Amino acid sequence: MMLALTKRLGVDGYGRIEFAFSVVFWLVLLVRDSSDVMVARELSRHPRLIKPLVDHVLAFKTLLAAVLFSGLTLVGWLTLRDHTDWTVLTLYGLMLFTTAIGLDFVYRGTESLGLLAISLCLRTLIYGAGVLAFVGDVKRITWVPIWLVVGEACGIGLVWLHYLHKYRMPRLRFEFRFIYIIMQRGRTVCLIQLSQALICAADLLVVGMTSGRWDVGRYGAPYRIATAILTFGLIFQQAAFPTLARLWRHHSEAGREALDSLVEVLMTVLVPVAVGGTLLAEPLVEMLFSKEYAGTGYLLAIGLWRAPLLSIAFLYQTTLIALNRETVGVRSLVLGAVGIGPLVFLLRWQFGLWGASAGVLLMGLALVLTGYRSLVREGRQPIWHHHLGRPLAASLAMVPVCLVLQRWHVLLAVSGGALAYAVALLAMGGFHPARLWRTAFHPVAEAGEAA
């Protein structure tokens, strides 16, 4: 969908929606993560609390969404000179309400992920179909956020239908005592989630505030590809969180083995993507985007490395939350969130667009090191070098294959490189399809066998 929008809206139009979405997405995470992570952790341990917690959480999140939406529209009206920019930002802001009424946390906490997968597919399908049918050029740019909100509402509605069938209609209960408990117990987790979101989006926000729409559009297209790959790692850790929370509490050794397996899966998948994408970045950009984006391959090559770095860094923080030790590593993460803005701005000013992307990588590397150190102090660290060595070696083996095959076509280079990587990994004894499959999609069974 992103590829279609870059061509239909042009660089300027795509820069508009990319910046507006990034601003709203940060607020969406504030609504979602203000309570969802803590509630999901409690539901994974005490499923009987589903109905009363839903009553309180929906009331709290709806009020928070209303406050944030009011602030967003007011600030946008005061700062944005173009009425279209304000309209796009406001329409994206409606996602605050769809997020507020979402019940995904119930099914993440009870590890009923099949319904959530169907819901996400429905959201994407409706959004994609609507954009393809109604957005032909930049004049219809406002339909992009409209269809995104419609898709979100339909996907959330599907989850609601299942919830109403299995439980009952929620009875909203707004109590200051519940807000106090959420703020007291969840402030550290919320701070972690918001810091992660700010770190992921800092470079695009800085570019958006210091550059014109043309630069934002050219930066935003490679950024969106890298972010889409990073999303795999973020979804993976969210799906694994309830399992880690329960295992660390009851079976510490099984929890350690589950964490090792999760790190192995992430490294096995993301390292070759980063290496191969770096080699083939320019021809990939030429194939995927219009001529207006020519010369931005270096941004994709740099940006792809955020996927393995930030996925591992955030997985370490998720593990600390599962251990009820989120305060151990929160200081470094908050410092990173506070410092990444000035760091990215300085590198952007000194080196141009690639400096902004490089700033995120430097911060990601620092967070990996500090997160691992926090786990070492807790005696819960994964055996990271066992999981990194083979993917790196196998990725090096695919380098000459990619370089040779790209002379004919970039897709041939991608296919040949993937095959070379798989063969090299298999030869080194690092490829166990059955175990990786169980870890990726059935972490409970995998960890249970380990226990």
Foldseek 3Di string as FASTA:
>chain_A
DLLVCCAFAPLLLLLLLLLLLLVLVLVLLLLQQLFLVVVLLVCLVPVVCLQVVLQAQLQVSQVSLVVVLVVQLVVCVVPPPDPVSSLLNSLLSCVSNLSSNAPVSSCLSNLVCPLVVVLVVQLVVQLVVQCVVQRRHNVRSSSNSVSNSVSSNVSRVSVVVVCCVVDNDHNHDHDVVVVVVSCVLRVLSSLLSSLLSLLLCLLLNLCSVPHHSNSSSLLSSLSVVLVVLLVLLVVQLSSCLSVLLVCCVPPVVLSLVLLQLSLLLQQLPLVLVLLLLLLCQQQVCPVSHDPSNHPSSNSNNLSNVLNSLSSLLVSLLSNCVSNVNNVLQSVLSSVLSVPLNVQLNVLCVVPNSSRNSVSSVVSSNVSNVSSQVSCVVVVRHHPNVVSNVLLVVLSVQLVVQLVVVVVPPNVNSVVSSVVSSVVSSVVVVNDDPVLSVCSRSPSNVNSVVVD
